N, C-alpha and C. Protein backbone atom coordinates (compact mmCIF):
# COMPACT_ATOMS: atom_id res chain seq x y z
N MET A 1 21.02 -27.95 -10.39
CA MET A 1 19.62 -28.34 -10.46
C MET A 1 18.94 -28.15 -9.12
N ASP A 2 19.68 -28.37 -8.05
CA ASP A 2 19.12 -28.21 -6.71
C ASP A 2 18.79 -26.76 -6.43
N ARG A 3 19.62 -25.84 -6.95
CA ARG A 3 19.38 -24.41 -6.74
C ARG A 3 18.11 -23.96 -7.47
N ILE A 4 17.86 -24.50 -8.66
CA ILE A 4 16.64 -24.17 -9.40
C ILE A 4 15.41 -24.68 -8.66
N ARG A 5 15.50 -25.90 -8.13
CA ARG A 5 14.38 -26.47 -7.38
C ARG A 5 14.09 -25.65 -6.13
N MET A 6 15.12 -25.19 -5.46
CA MET A 6 14.92 -24.35 -4.27
C MET A 6 14.31 -23.00 -4.64
N SER A 7 14.75 -22.43 -5.76
CA SER A 7 14.17 -21.15 -6.20
C SER A 7 12.70 -21.31 -6.55
N LEU A 8 12.35 -22.41 -7.20
CA LEU A 8 10.95 -22.68 -7.51
C LEU A 8 10.13 -22.87 -6.25
N ARG A 9 10.71 -23.47 -5.25
CA ARG A 9 10.00 -23.68 -3.98
C ARG A 9 9.75 -22.35 -3.27
N VAL A 10 10.74 -21.46 -3.29
CA VAL A 10 10.57 -20.13 -2.69
C VAL A 10 9.46 -19.38 -3.42
N CYS A 11 9.45 -19.46 -4.74
CA CYS A 11 8.41 -18.81 -5.54
C CYS A 11 7.04 -19.40 -5.20
N GLN A 12 6.97 -20.70 -5.07
CA GLN A 12 5.70 -21.36 -4.73
C GLN A 12 5.18 -20.92 -3.37
N ILE A 13 6.05 -20.78 -2.41
CA ILE A 13 5.63 -20.33 -1.07
C ILE A 13 5.10 -18.91 -1.14
N ARG A 14 5.79 -18.04 -1.87
CA ARG A 14 5.34 -16.65 -2.01
C ARG A 14 4.00 -16.56 -2.74
N LEU A 15 3.83 -17.38 -3.79
CA LEU A 15 2.57 -17.36 -4.53
C LEU A 15 1.42 -17.85 -3.67
N ARG A 16 1.64 -18.88 -2.89
CA ARG A 16 0.59 -19.39 -2.02
C ARG A 16 0.18 -18.32 -1.00
N LYS A 17 1.16 -17.60 -0.50
CA LYS A 17 0.87 -16.54 0.46
C LYS A 17 0.14 -15.38 -0.21
N THR A 18 0.50 -15.05 -1.44
CA THR A 18 -0.13 -13.93 -2.16
C THR A 18 -1.58 -14.23 -2.49
N PHE A 19 -1.86 -15.44 -2.98
CA PHE A 19 -3.21 -15.77 -3.40
C PHE A 19 -4.16 -16.01 -2.22
N THR A 20 -3.64 -16.02 -1.01
CA THR A 20 -4.51 -16.17 0.16
C THR A 20 -4.67 -14.87 0.94
N THR A 21 -3.98 -13.82 0.54
CA THR A 21 -4.12 -12.54 1.25
C THR A 21 -5.20 -11.69 0.58
N PRO A 22 -5.92 -10.90 1.36
CA PRO A 22 -6.95 -10.04 0.77
C PRO A 22 -6.37 -8.91 -0.08
N ARG A 23 -5.12 -8.58 0.11
CA ARG A 23 -4.50 -7.48 -0.64
C ARG A 23 -4.54 -7.76 -2.15
N PHE A 24 -4.33 -8.99 -2.55
CA PHE A 24 -4.36 -9.38 -3.96
C PHE A 24 -5.75 -9.17 -4.54
N TYR A 25 -6.77 -9.59 -3.81
CA TYR A 25 -8.14 -9.47 -4.30
C TYR A 25 -8.64 -8.03 -4.26
N VAL A 26 -8.13 -7.24 -3.33
CA VAL A 26 -8.47 -5.81 -3.30
C VAL A 26 -7.89 -5.12 -4.53
N ALA A 27 -6.68 -5.50 -4.94
CA ALA A 27 -6.08 -4.90 -6.14
C ALA A 27 -6.90 -5.25 -7.38
N LEU A 28 -7.36 -6.50 -7.48
CA LEU A 28 -8.19 -6.88 -8.62
C LEU A 28 -9.55 -6.18 -8.58
N LEU A 29 -10.12 -6.03 -7.38
CA LEU A 29 -11.39 -5.32 -7.24
C LEU A 29 -11.23 -3.85 -7.61
N TRP A 30 -10.12 -3.28 -7.23
CA TRP A 30 -9.78 -1.89 -7.56
C TRP A 30 -9.80 -1.69 -9.07
N ILE A 31 -9.17 -2.60 -9.79
CA ILE A 31 -9.11 -2.53 -11.25
C ILE A 31 -10.49 -2.81 -11.86
N ALA A 32 -11.23 -3.76 -11.29
CA ALA A 32 -12.55 -4.09 -11.82
C ALA A 32 -13.50 -2.90 -11.69
N ILE A 33 -13.42 -2.17 -10.58
CA ILE A 33 -14.27 -0.99 -10.40
C ILE A 33 -13.89 0.09 -11.42
N LEU A 34 -12.60 0.29 -11.62
CA LEU A 34 -12.15 1.27 -12.62
C LEU A 34 -12.66 0.91 -14.01
N PHE A 35 -12.50 -0.34 -14.39
CA PHE A 35 -12.93 -0.75 -15.73
C PHE A 35 -14.45 -0.79 -15.85
N HIS A 36 -15.15 -1.05 -14.76
CA HIS A 36 -16.61 -1.03 -14.80
C HIS A 36 -17.11 0.39 -15.12
N VAL A 37 -16.49 1.37 -14.50
CA VAL A 37 -16.87 2.76 -14.77
C VAL A 37 -16.48 3.15 -16.20
N MET A 38 -15.31 2.70 -16.65
CA MET A 38 -14.83 3.07 -17.98
C MET A 38 -15.62 2.39 -19.10
N THR A 39 -16.14 1.20 -18.87
CA THR A 39 -16.85 0.48 -19.93
C THR A 39 -18.35 0.73 -19.92
N ALA A 40 -18.83 1.56 -19.03
CA ALA A 40 -20.28 1.82 -18.99
C ALA A 40 -20.76 2.43 -20.30
N GLY A 41 -20.03 3.37 -20.85
CA GLY A 41 -20.41 3.97 -22.13
C GLY A 41 -20.32 2.99 -23.28
N ILE A 42 -19.32 2.14 -23.24
CA ILE A 42 -19.16 1.13 -24.30
C ILE A 42 -20.32 0.14 -24.27
N ARG A 43 -20.69 -0.30 -23.06
CA ARG A 43 -21.82 -1.23 -22.94
C ARG A 43 -23.11 -0.59 -23.44
N GLY A 44 -23.35 0.66 -23.08
CA GLY A 44 -24.55 1.36 -23.54
C GLY A 44 -24.58 1.52 -25.04
N PHE A 45 -23.44 1.88 -25.63
CA PHE A 45 -23.36 2.03 -27.08
C PHE A 45 -23.61 0.70 -27.79
N CYS A 46 -23.02 -0.37 -27.27
CA CYS A 46 -23.19 -1.69 -27.90
C CYS A 46 -24.64 -2.16 -27.81
N GLU A 47 -25.29 -1.89 -26.71
CA GLU A 47 -26.68 -2.32 -26.56
C GLU A 47 -27.61 -1.53 -27.47
N GLN A 48 -27.33 -0.24 -27.66
CA GLN A 48 -28.21 0.58 -28.49
C GLN A 48 -28.00 0.34 -29.98
N THR A 49 -26.78 0.14 -30.39
CA THR A 49 -26.50 0.02 -31.82
C THR A 49 -26.38 -1.42 -32.31
N GLY A 50 -26.12 -2.33 -31.41
CA GLY A 50 -25.93 -3.72 -31.81
C GLY A 50 -24.56 -4.01 -32.40
N VAL A 51 -23.63 -3.08 -32.27
CA VAL A 51 -22.27 -3.25 -32.76
C VAL A 51 -21.42 -3.86 -31.66
N ASP A 52 -20.69 -4.90 -31.98
CA ASP A 52 -19.83 -5.54 -31.00
C ASP A 52 -18.48 -4.85 -30.92
N VAL A 53 -17.81 -5.03 -29.80
CA VAL A 53 -16.45 -4.52 -29.62
C VAL A 53 -15.48 -5.69 -29.71
N THR A 54 -14.21 -5.37 -29.91
CA THR A 54 -13.20 -6.41 -30.01
C THR A 54 -12.66 -6.75 -28.62
N PHE A 55 -11.86 -7.79 -28.56
CA PHE A 55 -11.25 -8.21 -27.30
C PHE A 55 -10.13 -7.26 -26.88
N TRP A 56 -9.57 -6.53 -27.80
CA TRP A 56 -8.40 -5.72 -27.52
C TRP A 56 -8.80 -4.32 -27.06
N MET A 57 -9.23 -4.20 -25.80
CA MET A 57 -9.69 -2.92 -25.27
C MET A 57 -8.70 -2.25 -24.34
N LEU A 58 -7.74 -2.98 -23.81
CA LEU A 58 -6.83 -2.43 -22.81
C LEU A 58 -6.07 -1.20 -23.29
N PRO A 59 -5.54 -1.14 -24.51
CA PRO A 59 -4.85 0.09 -24.91
C PRO A 59 -5.75 1.33 -24.92
N PHE A 60 -7.02 1.14 -25.21
CA PHE A 60 -7.93 2.27 -25.22
C PHE A 60 -8.36 2.66 -23.81
N MET A 61 -8.25 1.73 -22.88
CA MET A 61 -8.59 2.02 -21.48
C MET A 61 -7.48 2.80 -20.78
N THR A 62 -6.29 2.78 -21.32
CA THR A 62 -5.16 3.40 -20.64
C THR A 62 -4.67 4.67 -21.35
N ARG A 63 -5.55 5.36 -22.01
CA ARG A 63 -5.11 6.54 -22.75
C ARG A 63 -4.97 7.76 -21.87
N TYR A 64 -5.58 7.78 -20.70
CA TYR A 64 -5.48 8.93 -19.79
C TYR A 64 -4.52 8.61 -18.65
N ASN A 65 -3.81 9.65 -18.20
CA ASN A 65 -2.82 9.47 -17.14
C ASN A 65 -3.45 9.01 -15.83
N GLY A 66 -4.64 9.49 -15.51
CA GLY A 66 -5.29 9.09 -14.27
C GLY A 66 -5.61 7.60 -14.25
N ASP A 67 -6.02 7.07 -15.39
CA ASP A 67 -6.31 5.63 -15.47
C ASP A 67 -5.03 4.82 -15.35
N GLN A 68 -3.95 5.30 -15.93
CA GLN A 68 -2.67 4.61 -15.82
C GLN A 68 -2.18 4.61 -14.38
N ILE A 69 -2.41 5.72 -13.68
CA ILE A 69 -1.98 5.80 -12.28
C ILE A 69 -2.76 4.81 -11.42
N ILE A 70 -4.04 4.67 -11.67
CA ILE A 70 -4.85 3.71 -10.89
C ILE A 70 -4.38 2.28 -11.16
N ILE A 71 -4.04 1.96 -12.40
CA ILE A 71 -3.54 0.63 -12.72
C ILE A 71 -2.20 0.38 -12.03
N VAL A 72 -1.33 1.39 -12.03
CA VAL A 72 -0.04 1.25 -11.35
C VAL A 72 -0.23 1.15 -9.84
N LEU A 73 -1.20 1.86 -9.29
CA LEU A 73 -1.47 1.73 -7.86
C LEU A 73 -1.95 0.32 -7.49
N GLY A 74 -2.66 -0.34 -8.40
CA GLY A 74 -3.03 -1.73 -8.17
C GLY A 74 -1.80 -2.62 -8.12
N ALA A 75 -0.85 -2.39 -9.02
CA ALA A 75 0.40 -3.16 -9.00
C ALA A 75 1.21 -2.82 -7.76
N LEU A 76 1.19 -1.56 -7.35
CA LEU A 76 1.90 -1.17 -6.13
C LEU A 76 1.31 -1.86 -4.91
N LEU A 77 0.00 -2.02 -4.89
CA LEU A 77 -0.64 -2.73 -3.79
C LEU A 77 -0.20 -4.19 -3.75
N LEU A 78 0.04 -4.78 -4.91
CA LEU A 78 0.50 -6.17 -4.95
C LEU A 78 1.92 -6.32 -4.40
N PHE A 79 2.77 -5.35 -4.70
CA PHE A 79 4.18 -5.46 -4.35
C PHE A 79 4.60 -4.49 -3.25
N CYS A 80 3.69 -4.10 -2.38
CA CYS A 80 4.03 -3.11 -1.35
C CYS A 80 4.96 -3.68 -0.28
N ASP A 81 5.06 -4.99 -0.17
CA ASP A 81 6.01 -5.59 0.77
C ASP A 81 7.23 -6.09 0.02
N ALA A 82 7.78 -5.24 -0.85
CA ALA A 82 8.79 -5.64 -1.83
C ALA A 82 10.04 -6.31 -1.30
N PRO A 83 10.58 -5.98 -0.17
CA PRO A 83 11.74 -6.78 0.24
C PRO A 83 11.38 -8.23 0.56
N PHE A 84 10.07 -8.50 0.74
CA PHE A 84 9.55 -9.85 1.00
C PHE A 84 10.19 -10.47 2.23
N LEU A 85 10.44 -9.67 3.23
CA LEU A 85 11.02 -10.18 4.47
C LEU A 85 9.91 -10.44 5.47
N GLU A 86 9.71 -11.68 5.75
CA GLU A 86 8.73 -12.13 6.74
C GLU A 86 9.47 -12.49 8.02
N PRO A 87 8.75 -12.77 9.10
CA PRO A 87 9.45 -13.19 10.31
C PRO A 87 10.29 -14.46 10.13
N ASN A 88 9.91 -15.33 9.20
CA ASN A 88 10.68 -16.55 8.99
C ASN A 88 11.61 -16.47 7.79
N SER A 89 11.78 -15.29 7.19
CA SER A 89 12.63 -15.17 6.00
C SER A 89 14.10 -15.45 6.30
N GLY A 90 14.54 -15.08 7.47
CA GLY A 90 15.93 -15.38 7.84
C GLY A 90 16.21 -16.87 7.82
N TRP A 91 15.29 -17.64 8.35
CA TRP A 91 15.44 -19.09 8.35
C TRP A 91 15.35 -19.64 6.92
N GLN A 92 14.49 -19.06 6.12
CA GLN A 92 14.34 -19.51 4.74
C GLN A 92 15.61 -19.21 3.94
N ILE A 93 16.20 -18.04 4.16
CA ILE A 93 17.43 -17.68 3.46
C ILE A 93 18.56 -18.61 3.88
N LEU A 94 18.65 -18.92 5.17
CA LEU A 94 19.68 -19.85 5.64
C LEU A 94 19.49 -21.24 5.05
N ARG A 95 18.26 -21.63 4.89
CA ARG A 95 17.98 -22.99 4.42
C ARG A 95 18.22 -23.16 2.92
N VAL A 96 17.77 -22.20 2.10
CA VAL A 96 17.90 -22.36 0.65
C VAL A 96 19.08 -21.60 0.07
N GLY A 97 19.63 -20.65 0.77
CA GLY A 97 20.74 -19.85 0.27
C GLY A 97 20.26 -18.51 -0.27
N ARG A 98 21.17 -17.54 -0.25
CA ARG A 98 20.80 -16.19 -0.68
C ARG A 98 20.44 -16.13 -2.16
N LYS A 99 21.21 -16.80 -3.01
CA LYS A 99 20.95 -16.73 -4.44
C LYS A 99 19.63 -17.41 -4.80
N SER A 100 19.36 -18.56 -4.23
CA SER A 100 18.10 -19.26 -4.51
C SER A 100 16.91 -18.46 -4.00
N TRP A 101 17.07 -17.84 -2.82
CA TRP A 101 15.99 -17.02 -2.27
C TRP A 101 15.75 -15.81 -3.16
N PHE A 102 16.83 -15.17 -3.63
CA PHE A 102 16.72 -14.02 -4.51
C PHE A 102 16.03 -14.38 -5.81
N TRP A 103 16.48 -15.45 -6.47
CA TRP A 103 15.90 -15.83 -7.76
C TRP A 103 14.47 -16.35 -7.60
N GLY A 104 14.17 -16.95 -6.48
CA GLY A 104 12.79 -17.35 -6.22
C GLY A 104 11.87 -16.15 -6.11
N ASN A 105 12.33 -15.10 -5.46
CA ASN A 105 11.53 -13.88 -5.34
C ASN A 105 11.43 -13.14 -6.67
N MET A 106 12.48 -13.18 -7.48
CA MET A 106 12.41 -12.57 -8.82
C MET A 106 11.40 -13.32 -9.69
N LEU A 107 11.41 -14.63 -9.62
CA LEU A 107 10.44 -15.42 -10.37
C LEU A 107 9.02 -15.13 -9.87
N TYR A 108 8.87 -14.95 -8.57
CA TYR A 108 7.57 -14.58 -8.00
C TYR A 108 7.07 -13.26 -8.58
N ILE A 109 7.94 -12.27 -8.69
CA ILE A 109 7.57 -10.97 -9.24
C ILE A 109 7.13 -11.12 -10.69
N VAL A 110 7.84 -11.93 -11.46
CA VAL A 110 7.49 -12.13 -12.87
C VAL A 110 6.13 -12.83 -12.98
N VAL A 111 5.90 -13.86 -12.19
CA VAL A 111 4.65 -14.62 -12.28
C VAL A 111 3.46 -13.76 -11.86
N VAL A 112 3.58 -13.03 -10.77
CA VAL A 112 2.46 -12.19 -10.32
C VAL A 112 2.22 -11.04 -11.30
N SER A 113 3.29 -10.48 -11.86
CA SER A 113 3.13 -9.41 -12.85
C SER A 113 2.44 -9.93 -14.10
N PHE A 114 2.79 -11.13 -14.54
CA PHE A 114 2.14 -11.73 -15.71
C PHE A 114 0.67 -11.99 -15.41
N PHE A 115 0.36 -12.51 -14.24
CA PHE A 115 -1.03 -12.78 -13.87
C PHE A 115 -1.82 -11.48 -13.77
N TYR A 116 -1.23 -10.43 -13.23
CA TYR A 116 -1.88 -9.12 -13.13
C TYR A 116 -2.17 -8.56 -14.52
N THR A 117 -1.22 -8.72 -15.44
CA THR A 117 -1.42 -8.25 -16.80
C THR A 117 -2.53 -9.02 -17.50
N ILE A 118 -2.59 -10.32 -17.28
CA ILE A 118 -3.68 -11.12 -17.86
C ILE A 118 -5.02 -10.65 -17.30
N CYS A 119 -5.07 -10.39 -16.01
CA CYS A 119 -6.31 -9.88 -15.41
C CYS A 119 -6.68 -8.51 -15.97
N LEU A 120 -5.67 -7.65 -16.19
CA LEU A 120 -5.93 -6.34 -16.79
C LEU A 120 -6.53 -6.48 -18.18
N SER A 121 -6.10 -7.48 -18.91
CA SER A 121 -6.62 -7.67 -20.26
C SER A 121 -7.99 -8.32 -20.28
N MET A 122 -8.28 -9.18 -19.30
CA MET A 122 -9.51 -9.96 -19.33
C MET A 122 -10.69 -9.28 -18.62
N ILE A 123 -10.45 -8.46 -17.63
CA ILE A 123 -11.55 -7.83 -16.88
C ILE A 123 -12.42 -6.96 -17.78
N PRO A 124 -11.87 -6.08 -18.65
CA PRO A 124 -12.76 -5.30 -19.51
C PRO A 124 -13.56 -6.17 -20.48
N VAL A 125 -12.97 -7.26 -20.94
CA VAL A 125 -13.68 -8.16 -21.85
C VAL A 125 -14.84 -8.82 -21.12
N LEU A 126 -14.61 -9.22 -19.88
CA LEU A 126 -15.68 -9.84 -19.10
C LEU A 126 -16.81 -8.86 -18.78
N LEU A 127 -16.46 -7.59 -18.64
CA LEU A 127 -17.48 -6.60 -18.30
C LEU A 127 -18.41 -6.28 -19.47
N VAL A 128 -17.93 -6.44 -20.69
CA VAL A 128 -18.76 -6.19 -21.87
C VAL A 128 -19.02 -7.49 -22.63
N PHE A 129 -18.95 -8.63 -21.95
CA PHE A 129 -18.94 -9.93 -22.59
C PHE A 129 -20.07 -10.21 -23.57
N PRO A 130 -21.31 -9.92 -23.29
CA PRO A 130 -22.30 -10.28 -24.31
C PRO A 130 -22.11 -9.52 -25.62
N ASN A 131 -21.38 -8.44 -25.59
CA ASN A 131 -21.21 -7.60 -26.77
C ASN A 131 -19.79 -7.64 -27.33
N VAL A 132 -19.14 -8.78 -27.22
CA VAL A 132 -17.77 -8.91 -27.72
C VAL A 132 -17.81 -9.70 -29.01
N GLY A 133 -17.13 -9.18 -30.02
CA GLY A 133 -17.09 -9.83 -31.32
C GLY A 133 -15.69 -10.26 -31.70
N TRP A 134 -15.60 -11.02 -32.75
CA TRP A 134 -14.32 -11.54 -33.22
C TRP A 134 -13.77 -10.69 -34.36
N GLU A 135 -13.79 -9.40 -34.22
CA GLU A 135 -13.30 -8.50 -35.25
C GLU A 135 -11.77 -8.44 -35.20
N THR A 136 -11.15 -8.31 -36.36
CA THR A 136 -9.71 -8.13 -36.40
C THR A 136 -9.30 -6.74 -36.85
N GLY A 137 -10.25 -5.96 -37.32
CA GLY A 137 -9.93 -4.63 -37.81
C GLY A 137 -10.08 -3.58 -36.72
N TRP A 138 -10.16 -2.32 -37.16
CA TRP A 138 -10.27 -1.21 -36.22
C TRP A 138 -11.72 -0.80 -35.98
N GLY A 139 -12.66 -1.41 -36.63
CA GLY A 139 -14.05 -1.08 -36.38
C GLY A 139 -14.91 -1.37 -37.59
N LYS A 140 -16.19 -1.05 -37.46
CA LYS A 140 -17.13 -1.29 -38.55
C LYS A 140 -17.00 -0.19 -39.58
N GLY A 141 -17.35 -0.51 -40.79
CA GLY A 141 -17.33 0.51 -41.83
C GLY A 141 -16.86 -0.05 -43.15
N GLU A 142 -17.00 0.74 -44.16
CA GLU A 142 -16.56 0.35 -45.49
C GLU A 142 -15.08 0.64 -45.63
N TYR A 143 -14.36 -0.32 -46.15
CA TYR A 143 -12.95 -0.12 -46.38
C TYR A 143 -12.76 0.28 -47.84
N GLU A 144 -12.10 1.37 -48.04
CA GLU A 144 -11.84 1.85 -49.38
C GLU A 144 -10.35 1.77 -49.64
N THR A 145 -10.01 1.41 -50.81
CA THR A 145 -8.60 1.39 -51.18
C THR A 145 -8.28 2.64 -51.98
N PHE A 146 -7.20 3.23 -51.64
CA PHE A 146 -6.77 4.44 -52.33
C PHE A 146 -5.53 4.10 -53.14
N SER A 147 -5.49 4.62 -54.33
CA SER A 147 -4.30 4.40 -55.16
C SER A 147 -3.47 5.68 -55.18
N VAL A 148 -2.21 5.48 -55.08
CA VAL A 148 -1.29 6.61 -55.10
C VAL A 148 -0.84 6.84 -56.54
N LYS A 149 -0.97 8.09 -57.00
CA LYS A 149 -0.58 8.40 -58.39
C LYS A 149 0.76 9.08 -58.42
């Protein structure tokens, strides 16, 4: 139980350091600028036609390789100091142990990756927010049923 508590503490220290560095906010700004450019046509279409879009836009935003590369570069910016060795890391490893330090950093990677994914999903929705609807289908239109003979 003590090892789990130490791993959580290492993760907490890393998260506090990440959320206070400008690198994290630059990565989110990088993605917001990309999605702002990508949703400009969607916003214009929604305003002209009055048709709302669904919340699930991320798969359609990542259909081109260039857009996927920019999203991955945002994640790379978050984890560019991947060994996570700071000037005081030696003392931290001695204090909590190698395994607790390792698992704390793995938990940090999972938490930041999950938060980055949530931001990737929510930024396009926020950019087209007045025109977001609660649709569950693939779009507007008449649904016809076909019978197989």
